[in-house]
Amino acid sequence: MDKQHVLIVEDEAALQQILEYALDEAGFAVSASANGKDAVEKLEHPSADYVALVTDINLGNSSVTGWDVARRARELDGAIAVVYSTGAEGADWPSNGVPNSILITKPFAPAQIVTAVAQLLNTGSATTTGP
């Protein structure tokens, strides 16, 4: 059976590696981008087969935010699971987040991301978690 493919968008290299490892260990195929522009290009690629997007909201000096990446992902595939991670942008989730997404606030345990992806793939329900 083919692994389900997850795209991680995270500008902090160490955190990106931790998330890649956690999702890979959970049995997912993983691709990663460090900025929104690259992530959108990956999503728009003709062979893209992502079932889930895990994106930081604030992507450093990128003009494309995690909000933008998620909206584009949903335009391309209305069923893609979306998990946002943020340290400060959580209050904007109700107005900027896509429906049926999950917001996890930093700091978080990598297992929370894996659980959120699995939850959305199984049920599609939206929640917010964190400290």
C-alpha atoms as a PDB file:
ATOM      1  CA  MET A   1       0.000   0.000   0.000  1.00  0.00           C
ATOM      2  CA  ASP A   2       1.252   3.469  -0.859  1.00  0.00           C
ATOM      3  CA  LYS A   3       1.940   5.872   1.986  1.00  0.00           C
ATOM      4  CA  GLN A   4      -0.269   8.942   2.309  1.00  0.00           C
ATOM      5  CA  HIS A   5       1.679  12.087   1.398  1.00  0.00           C
ATOM      6  CA  VAL A   6       1.925  15.061   3.797  1.00  0.00           C
ATOM      7  CA  LEU A   7       3.405  18.484   2.986  1.00  0.00           C
ATOM      8  CA  ILE A   8       5.076  20.339   5.873  1.00  0.00           C
ATOM      9  CA  VAL A   9       5.611  24.100   5.581  1.00  0.00           C
ATOM     10  CA  GLU A  10       7.906  25.323   8.348  1.00  0.00           C
ATOM     11  CA  ASP A  11      10.608  28.005   8.196  1.00  0.00           C
ATOM     12  CA  GLU A  12      12.431  26.797  11.334  1.00  0.00           C
ATOM     13  CA  ALA A  13      14.762  24.062  10.037  1.00  0.00           C
ATOM     14  CA  ALA A  14      15.050  22.177  13.335  1.00  0.00           C
ATOM     15  CA  LEU A  15      11.282  22.052  13.815  1.00  0.00           C
ATOM     16  CA  GLN A  16      10.796  21.034  10.178  1.00  0.00           C
ATOM     17  CA  GLN A  17      13.144  18.075  10.724  1.00  0.00           C
ATOM     18  CA  ILE A  18      11.347  17.036  13.924  1.00  0.00           C
ATOM     19  CA  LEU A  19       7.980  17.102  12.150  1.00  0.00           C
ATOM     20  CA  GLU A  20       9.347  15.195   9.162  1.00  0.00           C
ATOM     21  CA  TYR A  21      10.694  12.493  11.457  1.00  0.00           C
ATOM     22  CA  ALA A  22       7.471  12.223  13.486  1.00  0.00           C
ATOM     23  CA  LEU A  23       5.242  11.948  10.415  1.00  0.00           C
ATOM     24  CA  ASP A  24       7.607   9.527   8.696  1.00  0.00           C
ATOM     25  CA  GLU A  25       7.656   7.334  11.822  1.00  0.00           C
ATOM     26  CA  ALA A  26       3.838   7.433  11.794  1.00  0.00           C
ATOM     27  CA  GLY A  27       3.875   5.928   8.296  1.00  0.00           C
ATOM     28  CA  PHE A  28       3.394   8.984   6.101  1.00  0.00           C
ATOM     29  CA  ALA A  29       5.416  10.015   3.066  1.00  0.00           C
ATOM     30  CA  VAL A  30       6.670  13.542   3.777  1.00  0.00           C
ATOM     31  CA  SER A  31       7.738  16.526   1.707  1.00  0.00           C
ATOM     32  CA  ALA A  32       8.793  19.840   3.208  1.00  0.00           C
ATOM     33  CA  SER A  33       9.038  23.487   2.251  1.00  0.00           C
ATOM     34  CA  ALA A  34      10.663  26.326   4.155  1.00  0.00           C
ATOM     35  CA  ASN A  35       8.453  29.046   2.649  1.00  0.00           C
ATOM     36  CA  GLY A  36       4.977  29.592   1.295  1.00  0.00           C
ATOM     37  CA  LYS A  37       5.949  30.187  -2.326  1.00  0.00           C
ATOM     38  CA  ASP A  38       7.755  26.851  -2.579  1.00  0.00           C
ATOM     39  CA  ALA A  39       4.870  25.094  -0.833  1.00  0.00           C
ATOM     40  CA  VAL A  40       2.317  26.462  -3.298  1.00  0.00           C
ATOM     41  CA  GLU A  41       4.531  25.353  -6.200  1.00  0.00           C
ATOM     42  CA  LYS A  42       4.638  21.831  -4.734  1.00  0.00           C
ATOM     43  CA  LEU A  43       0.862  21.790  -4.254  1.00  0.00           C
ATOM     44  CA  GLU A  44       0.294  22.956  -7.835  1.00  0.00           C
ATOM     45  CA  HIS A  45       2.644  20.379  -9.366  1.00  0.00           C
ATOM     46  CA  PRO A  46       0.683  18.080 -11.711  1.00  0.00           C
ATOM     47  CA  SER A  47       1.792  14.955  -9.832  1.00  0.00           C
ATOM     48  CA  ALA A  48       0.989  16.368  -6.352  1.00  0.00           C
ATOM     49  CA  ASP A  49      -0.914  13.809  -4.287  1.00  0.00           C
ATOM     50  CA  TYR A  50      -0.963  15.361  -0.813  1.00  0.00           C
ATOM     51  CA  VAL A  51      -3.651  14.225   1.619  1.00  0.00           C
ATOM     52  CA  ALA A  52      -2.568  16.659   4.338  1.00  0.00           C
ATOM     53  CA  LEU A  53      -0.861  20.006   4.836  1.00  0.00           C
ATOM     54  CA  VAL A  54       0.923  20.943   8.073  1.00  0.00           C
ATOM     55  CA  THR A  55       1.815  24.617   7.935  1.00  0.00           C
ATOM     56  CA  ASP A  56       3.238  27.238  10.221  1.00  0.00           C
ATOM     57  CA  ILE A  57       1.228  30.448   9.866  1.00  0.00           C
ATOM     58  CA  ASN A  58       4.064  32.966  10.076  1.00  0.00           C
ATOM     59  CA  LEU A  59       6.677  31.878   7.556  1.00  0.00           C
ATOM     60  CA  GLY A  60       9.370  34.435   8.357  1.00  0.00           C
ATOM     61  CA  ASN A  61      10.058  36.913   5.596  1.00  0.00           C
ATOM     62  CA  SER A  62       7.852  35.108   3.057  1.00  0.00           C
ATOM     63  CA  SER A  63       5.065  37.166   1.503  1.00  0.00           C
ATOM     64  CA  VAL A  64       2.990  33.964   1.335  1.00  0.00           C
ATOM     65  CA  THR A  65       1.655  33.012   4.780  1.00  0.00           C
ATOM     66  CA  GLY A  66       0.448  29.669   6.042  1.00  0.00           C
ATOM     67  CA  TRP A  67      -3.098  31.035   5.705  1.00  0.00           C
ATOM     68  CA  ASP A  68      -2.412  31.610   1.986  1.00  0.00           C
ATOM     69  CA  VAL A  69      -0.884  28.156   1.488  1.00  0.00           C
ATOM     70  CA  ALA A  70      -3.862  26.444   3.116  1.00  0.00           C
ATOM     71  CA  ARG A  71      -6.411  28.406   1.073  1.00  0.00           C
ATOM     72  CA  ARG A  72      -4.590  27.479  -2.136  1.00  0.00           C
ATOM     73  CA  ALA A  73      -4.353  23.840  -1.042  1.00  0.00           C
ATOM     74  CA  ARG A  74      -8.126  23.751  -0.511  1.00  0.00           C
ATOM     75  CA  GLU A  75      -8.727  25.389  -3.913  1.00  0.00           C
ATOM     76  CA  LEU A  76      -6.762  22.552  -5.485  1.00  0.00           C
ATOM     77  CA  ASP A  77      -8.228  19.785  -3.296  1.00  0.00           C
ATOM     78  CA  GLY A  78     -11.248  20.515  -1.139  1.00  0.00           C
ATOM     79  CA  ALA A  79     -10.617  17.395   0.952  1.00  0.00           C
ATOM     80  CA  ILE A  80      -6.984  18.037   1.955  1.00  0.00           C
ATOM     81  CA  ALA A  81      -6.473  17.918   5.725  1.00  0.00           C
ATOM     82  CA  VAL A  82      -5.011  21.166   7.095  1.00  0.00           C
ATOM     83  CA  VAL A  83      -3.135  21.514  10.387  1.00  0.00           C
ATOM     84  CA  TYR A  84      -1.865  24.962  11.347  1.00  0.00           C
ATOM     85  CA  SER A  85       0.884  25.551  13.888  1.00  0.00           C
ATOM     86  CA  THR A  86       1.599  28.922  15.427  1.00  0.00           C
ATOM     87  CA  GLY A  87       3.148  30.684  18.344  1.00  0.00           C
ATOM     88  CA  ALA A  88       1.166  33.911  18.072  1.00  0.00           C
ATOM     89  CA  GLU A  89      -1.391  33.903  15.261  1.00  0.00           C
ATOM     90  CA  GLY A  90      -4.009  31.628  16.837  1.00  0.00           C
ATOM     91  CA  ALA A  91      -6.574  34.361  17.473  1.00  0.00           C
ATOM     92  CA  ASP A  92      -6.884  34.844  13.703  1.00  0.00           C
ATOM     93  CA  TRP A  93      -7.792  31.196  13.037  1.00  0.00           C
ATOM     94  CA  PRO A  94     -11.601  31.679  13.064  1.00  0.00           C
ATOM     95  CA  SER A  95     -11.395  34.412  10.405  1.00  0.00           C
ATOM     96  CA  ASN A  96      -8.383  33.233   8.358  1.00  0.00           C
ATOM     97  CA  GLY A  97      -8.318  29.455   8.744  1.00  0.00           C
ATOM     98  CA  VAL A  98      -9.942  27.107   6.257  1.00  0.00           C
ATOM     99  CA  PRO A  99     -12.974  25.100   7.453  1.00  0.00           C
ATOM    100  CA  ASN A 100     -12.370  21.684   9.038  1.00  0.00           C
ATOM    101  CA  SER A 101      -8.802  22.475  10.033  1.00  0.00           C
ATOM    102  CA  ILE A 102      -6.939  22.110  13.305  1.00  0.00           C
ATOM    103  CA  LEU A 103      -4.811  24.754  15.001  1.00  0.00           C
ATOM    104  CA  ILE A 104      -2.016  23.687  17.343  1.00  0.00           C
ATOM    105  CA  THR A 105      -0.155  26.315  19.319  1.00  0.00           C
ATOM    106  CA  LYS A 106       3.592  26.233  19.894  1.00  0.00           C
ATOM    107  CA  PRO A 107       5.222  24.749  21.797  1.00  0.00           C
ATOM    108  CA  PHE A 108       3.745  21.352  21.014  1.00  0.00           C
ATOM    109  CA  ALA A 109       4.776  17.716  21.053  1.00  0.00           C
ATOM    110  CA  PRO A 110       5.351  16.226  17.580  1.00  0.00           C
ATOM    111  CA  ALA A 111       2.792  13.543  18.437  1.00  0.00           C
ATOM    112  CA  GLN A 112       0.121  16.275  18.555  1.00  0.00           C
ATOM    113  CA  ILE A 113       0.736  16.998  14.865  1.00  0.00           C
ATOM    114  CA  VAL A 114       0.575  13.305  13.957  1.00  0.00           C
ATOM    115  CA  THR A 115      -2.657  12.926  15.936  1.00  0.00           C
ATOM    116  CA  ALA A 116      -4.180  16.020  14.314  1.00  0.00           C
ATOM    117  CA  VAL A 117      -3.371  14.787  10.801  1.00  0.00           C
ATOM    118  CA  ALA A 118      -4.815  11.358  11.588  1.00  0.00           C
ATOM    119  CA  GLN A 119      -7.929  12.913  13.148  1.00  0.00           C
ATOM    120  CA  LEU A 120      -8.627  15.057  10.094  1.00  0.00           C
ATOM    121  CA  LEU A 121      -8.026  12.197   7.697  1.00  0.00           C
ATOM    122  CA  ASN A 122     -10.422  10.017   9.689  1.00  0.00           C
ATOM    123  CA  THR A 123     -13.118  12.525  10.627  1.00  0.00           C
ATOM    124  CA  GLY A 124     -12.442  15.974   9.176  1.00  0.00           C
ATOM    125  CA  SER A 125     -13.355  17.701  12.450  1.00  0.00           C
ATOM    126  CA  ALA A 126     -11.854  21.037  13.497  1.00  0.00           C
ATOM    127  CA  THR A 127     -10.439  21.792  16.923  1.00  0.00           C
ATOM    128  CA  THR A 128      -7.780  23.907  18.566  1.00  0.00           C
ATOM    129  CA  THR A 129      -5.206  22.500  20.963  1.00  0.00           C
ATOM    130  CA  GLY A 130      -2.257  23.792  22.895  1.00  0.00           C
ATOM    131  CA  PRO A 131      -1.217  25.277  26.214  1.00  0.00           C
END
